[in-house]
Protein backbone atom coordinates (compact mmCIF):
# COMPACT_ATOMS: atom_id res chain seq x y z
CA UNK A 1 0.00 0.00 0.00
CA UNK A 2 2.84 2.40 0.84
CA UNK A 3 4.34 1.75 -2.62
CA UNK A 4 1.08 2.67 -4.31
CA UNK A 5 0.76 5.85 -2.23
CA UNK A 6 4.28 6.91 -3.29
CA UNK A 7 3.45 6.10 -6.92
CA UNK A 8 0.24 8.14 -6.81
CA UNK A 9 2.02 11.12 -5.27
CA UNK A 10 4.79 10.98 -7.88
CA UNK A 11 2.27 10.75 -10.74
CA UNK A 12 0.34 13.70 -9.36
CA UNK A 13 3.42 15.91 -8.99
CA UNK A 14 4.48 15.12 -12.56
CA UNK A 15 1.13 16.22 -14.01
CA UNK A 16 1.98 19.85 -14.74
CA UNK A 17 -1.47 20.77 -16.03
CA UNK A 18 -3.19 19.39 -12.95
CA UNK A 19 -0.60 21.03 -10.67
CA UNK A 20 -1.20 24.42 -12.29
CA UNK A 21 -4.97 24.33 -11.87
CA UNK A 22 -4.76 22.90 -8.37
CA UNK A 23 -1.91 24.97 -6.92
CA UNK A 24 -1.47 28.17 -8.95
CA UNK A 25 -4.98 28.76 -10.33
CA UNK A 26 -6.66 29.49 -6.92
CA UNK A 27 -4.04 32.16 -6.11
CA UNK A 28 -4.55 33.75 -9.54
CA UNK A 29 -8.30 33.76 -8.98
CA UNK A 30 -7.80 35.46 -5.63
CA UNK A 31 -5.87 38.28 -7.33
CA UNK A 32 -8.51 38.61 -10.05
CA UNK A 33 -11.51 38.58 -7.70
CA UNK A 34 -10.17 40.18 -4.53
CA UNK A 35 -7.76 42.58 -6.24
CA UNK A 36 -10.40 45.13 -7.31
CA UNK A 37 -12.25 44.87 -3.99
CA UNK A 38 -11.96 47.72 -1.53
CA UNK A 39 -11.34 47.51 2.21
CA UNK A 40 -14.96 46.94 3.16
CA UNK A 41 -16.56 44.01 4.90
CA UNK A 42 -18.85 41.25 3.68
CA UNK A 43 -22.40 42.61 4.11
CA UNK A 44 -23.89 41.54 7.40
CA UNK A 45 -20.60 40.29 8.86
CA UNK A 46 -17.41 41.58 10.48
CA UNK A 47 -15.29 39.71 7.92
CA UNK A 48 -13.27 41.81 5.46
CA UNK A 49 -13.71 41.06 1.76
CA UNK A 50 -10.00 40.25 1.41
CA UNK A 51 -10.12 37.76 4.28
CA UNK A 52 -13.34 36.25 2.94
CA UNK A 53 -11.89 35.65 -0.52
CA UNK A 54 -8.66 34.33 0.94
CA UNK A 55 -10.49 31.51 2.71
CA UNK A 56 -12.86 31.04 -0.24
CA UNK A 57 -10.06 30.61 -2.78
CA UNK A 58 -7.94 28.46 -0.46
CA UNK A 59 -10.96 26.20 0.02
CA UNK A 60 -11.67 26.27 -3.72
CA UNK A 61 -8.08 25.23 -4.45
CA UNK A 62 -8.25 22.29 -2.04
CA UNK A 63 -11.62 21.33 -3.55
CA UNK A 64 -10.07 21.38 -7.02
CA UNK A 65 -7.23 19.08 -6.01
CA UNK A 66 -9.27 16.42 -4.24
CA UNK A 67 -12.48 16.42 -6.29
CA UNK A 68 -11.30 16.95 -9.87
CA UNK A 69 -8.17 14.86 -9.43
CA UNK A 70 -9.78 11.82 -7.84
CA UNK A 71 -12.87 11.57 -10.03
CA UNK A 72 -11.09 11.77 -13.38
CA UNK A 73 -8.17 9.56 -12.41
CA UNK A 74 -10.34 6.76 -11.05
CA UNK A 75 -12.75 6.80 -14.00
CA UNK A 76 -9.89 6.62 -16.50
CA UNK A 77 -8.04 3.94 -14.55
CA UNK A 78 -11.20 1.82 -14.42
CA UNK A 79 -11.58 2.22 -18.18
CA UNK A 80 -7.97 1.23 -18.87
CA UNK A 81 -8.12 -1.79 -16.59
CA UNK A 82 -5.61 -0.51 -14.02
CA UNK A 83 -8.04 -0.86 -11.12
CA UNK A 84 -8.86 -4.43 -12.20
CA UNK A 85 -5.14 -5.27 -12.23
CA UNK A 86 -4.74 -3.90 -8.73
CA UNK A 87 -7.57 -6.14 -7.53
CA UNK A 88 -5.50 -9.15 -8.55
CA UNK A 89 -2.87 -8.14 -6.01
CA UNK A 90 -3.06 -8.29 -2.22
CA UNK A 91 -3.89 -4.58 -2.09
CA UNK A 92 -7.14 -4.02 -0.14
CA UNK A 93 -9.77 -1.70 -1.58
CA UNK A 94 -9.25 0.82 1.18
CA UNK A 95 -5.57 1.00 0.18
CA UNK A 96 -6.47 2.18 -3.32
CA UNK A 97 -8.85 4.82 -1.96
CA UNK A 98 -6.32 5.94 0.65
CA UNK A 99 -3.64 6.32 -2.03
CA UNK A 100 -5.94 8.60 -4.02
CA UNK A 101 -6.76 10.73 -0.98
CA UNK A 102 -3.09 11.03 0.03
CA UNK A 103 -1.97 12.10 -3.44
CA UNK A 104 -4.72 14.74 -3.55
CA UNK A 105 -3.82 15.95 -0.05
CA UNK A 106 -0.21 16.51 -1.12
CA UNK A 107 -1.42 18.95 -3.78
CA UNK A 108 -4.16 20.63 -1.74
CA UNK A 109 -1.83 21.70 1.06
CA UNK A 110 0.52 23.89 -1.07
CA UNK A 111 -2.49 25.39 -2.88
CA UNK A 112 -3.82 26.59 0.49
CA UNK A 113 -0.47 28.00 1.60
CA UNK A 114 0.16 29.83 -1.69
CA UNK A 115 -3.24 31.58 -1.49
CA UNK A 116 -2.38 32.66 2.07
CA UNK A 117 0.98 34.05 0.97
CA UNK A 118 -0.53 35.94 -1.96
CA UNK A 119 -3.33 37.33 0.23
CA UNK A 120 -0.88 38.56 2.84
CA UNK A 121 1.49 40.10 0.30
CA UNK A 122 -1.06 41.67 -2.06
CA UNK A 123 -3.97 42.61 0.21
CA UNK A 124 -2.27 42.89 3.59
CA UNK A 125 -4.35 40.17 5.26
CA UNK A 126 -2.91 39.82 8.75
CA UNK A 127 -3.86 37.21 11.33
CA UNK A 128 -2.42 35.78 14.54
CA UNK A 129 -0.05 32.86 14.19
CA UNK A 130 -2.56 30.45 15.71
CA UNK A 131 -5.16 31.56 13.15
CA UNK A 132 -2.86 30.84 10.19
CA UNK A 133 -2.13 27.39 11.60
CA UNK A 134 -5.77 26.68 12.41
CA UNK A 135 -6.91 27.91 8.98
CA UNK A 136 -4.47 25.63 7.21
CA UNK A 137 -5.58 22.65 9.28
CA UNK A 138 -9.36 23.10 8.98
CA UNK A 139 -9.28 23.77 5.23
CA UNK A 140 -6.95 20.84 4.64
CA UNK A 141 -8.89 18.47 6.88
CA UNK A 142 -12.25 19.57 5.53
CA UNK A 143 -11.17 18.68 1.99
CA UNK A 144 -11.39 14.97 2.93
CA UNK A 145 -15.16 15.25 2.49
CA UNK A 146 -14.74 16.18 -1.17
CA UNK A 147 -11.99 13.62 -1.68
CA UNK A 148 -14.57 10.98 -0.78
CA UNK A 149 -17.03 12.58 -3.21
CA UNK A 150 -14.37 12.47 -5.94
CA UNK A 151 -13.86 8.74 -5.36
CA UNK A 152 -17.62 8.13 -5.58
CA UNK A 153 -17.93 10.07 -8.85
CA UNK A 154 -14.94 8.19 -10.26
CA UNK A 155 -16.71 4.88 -9.72
CA UNK A 156 -20.08 6.20 -10.85
CA UNK A 157 -19.14 7.85 -14.16
CA UNK A 158 -17.43 6.55 -17.28
CA UNK A 159 -14.20 8.04 -18.60
CA UNK A 160 -16.04 10.18 -21.17
CA UNK A 161 -18.76 11.39 -18.82
CA UNK A 162 -16.72 12.02 -15.68
CA UNK A 163 -15.40 15.47 -16.63
CA UNK A 164 -18.77 17.15 -17.38
CA UNK A 165 -20.41 15.50 -14.36
CA UNK A 166 -17.60 16.58 -12.07
CA UNK A 167 -17.54 20.12 -13.49
CA UNK A 168 -21.27 20.57 -12.91
CA UNK A 169 -20.97 19.37 -9.31
CA UNK A 170 -17.69 21.25 -8.80
CA UNK A 171 -18.91 24.68 -9.92
CA UNK A 172 -22.44 24.18 -8.62
CA UNK A 173 -21.26 23.43 -5.10
CA UNK A 174 -18.60 26.18 -5.24
CA UNK A 175 -20.97 28.93 -6.37
CA UNK A 176 -23.96 27.97 -4.24
CA UNK A 177 -21.80 27.22 -1.21
CA UNK A 178 -20.30 30.72 -1.16
CA UNK A 179 -16.78 30.10 -2.50
CA UNK A 180 -17.24 32.69 -5.25
CA UNK A 181 -19.86 35.07 -3.89
CA UNK A 182 -20.81 35.70 -0.24
CA UNK A 183 -24.07 33.89 0.42
CA UNK A 184 -25.35 37.03 2.18
CA UNK A 185 -25.91 38.39 -1.33
CA UNK A 186 -28.39 35.58 -2.09
CA UNK A 187 -32.15 35.82 -1.53
CA UNK A 188 -33.23 34.67 1.91
CA UNK A 189 -34.96 31.54 0.56
CA UNK A 190 -31.74 30.49 -1.22
CA UNK A 191 -29.63 31.20 1.88
CA UNK A 192 -31.85 28.84 3.86
CA UNK A 193 -31.10 26.08 1.34
CA UNK A 194 -27.37 26.56 0.72
CA UNK A 195 -26.51 26.65 4.43
CA UNK A 196 -26.93 22.86 4.35
CA UNK A 197 -24.50 22.33 1.49
CA UNK A 198 -21.05 20.85 2.30
CA UNK A 199 -19.22 23.74 0.59
CA UNK A 200 -21.05 26.30 2.72
CA UNK A 201 -20.04 24.44 5.87
CA UNK A 202 -16.52 24.03 4.50
CA UNK A 203 -16.11 27.78 3.92
CA UNK A 204 -17.64 28.40 7.34
CA UNK A 205 -14.82 26.53 9.07
CA UNK A 206 -12.21 29.02 7.90
CA UNK A 207 -14.41 32.07 8.32
CA UNK A 208 -15.05 31.20 11.98
CA UNK A 209 -11.30 30.96 12.60
CA UNK A 210 -10.68 34.29 10.83
CA UNK A 211 -13.19 35.96 13.14
CA UNK A 212 -11.20 34.70 16.13
CA UNK A 213 -13.41 31.79 17.13
CA UNK A 214 -13.61 28.06 16.60
CA UNK A 215 -15.55 26.31 13.82
CA UNK A 216 -19.26 26.11 14.49
CA UNK A 217 -20.54 22.71 15.59
CA UNK A 218 -23.24 22.82 12.91
CA UNK A 219 -20.66 23.22 10.12
CA UNK A 220 -18.51 20.42 11.52
CA UNK A 221 -21.53 18.14 11.86
CA UNK A 222 -22.68 18.86 8.29
CA UNK A 223 -19.24 18.01 6.89
CA UNK A 224 -19.01 14.83 8.95
CA UNK A 225 -22.42 13.65 7.73
CA UNK A 226 -21.58 14.40 4.10
CA UNK A 227 -18.20 12.69 4.47
CA UNK A 228 -19.89 9.53 5.79
CA UNK A 229 -22.45 9.64 2.98
CA UNK A 230 -19.84 10.16 0.25
CA UNK A 231 -17.48 7.56 1.71
CA UNK A 232 -20.34 5.07 2.10
CA UNK A 233 -21.42 5.71 -1.48
CA UNK A 234 -17.85 5.29 -2.72
CA UNK A 235 -17.51 1.99 -0.83
CA UNK A 236 -20.79 0.68 -2.24
CA UNK A 237 -19.82 1.70 -5.80
CA UNK A 238 -16.41 0.09 -5.35
CA UNK A 239 -17.98 -3.22 -4.33
CA UNK A 240 -20.46 -2.97 -7.21
CA UNK A 241 -17.62 -2.31 -9.65
CA UNK A 242 -15.73 -5.31 -8.22
CA UNK A 243 -18.67 -7.61 -8.94
CA UNK A 244 -18.76 -6.38 -12.55
CA UNK A 245 -15.08 -7.17 -12.96
């Protein structure tokens, strides 16, 4: 299993296109979106726009790494027969899934840190040391939820269909969950719906830390429930795919 994890990490780091969109792209988006913003706060909150977009784009970058990477890789490997070959070895199913999550986590961590560096240098975002550490941890740990979703999509979709399906889910969750636009700008009825989305809870983890507090229990609970659902779905789809093979 350790050998496969190392192989997956090496393959991920060698994929320059994936590395650009996962590591550099979120920082570029931060400059494009937050750059023109003034020094005001998000309406209805004490959170500055720069700090809001810093957490939003760091979360978006981690989401890109774990969701897009896992879903497409798994679907293509199933199609090429690589997953079937691995089943002939002593590697347990959880080892394959763990290898995918670990390789995605290696990419998601630097994407978070780069957004933080760019935000501090370009917009003067300043936080206490404990907040920087806590932000990095909660965003990185929260991405596990979407890593599980990526695995489930990879087993659900074919190689040709996985990209459009993932993109719809990817941008839909990002926009509705408040990673592009503060949800306070949405109509009240829509706010009542999106507050139950995993991306809204995910962004809420970092925003709570930025405001000097700890993540809200509701956000943590929502992410845990979604993680269990996605992981359970991925496990069921894996077993179903095994029976087909």
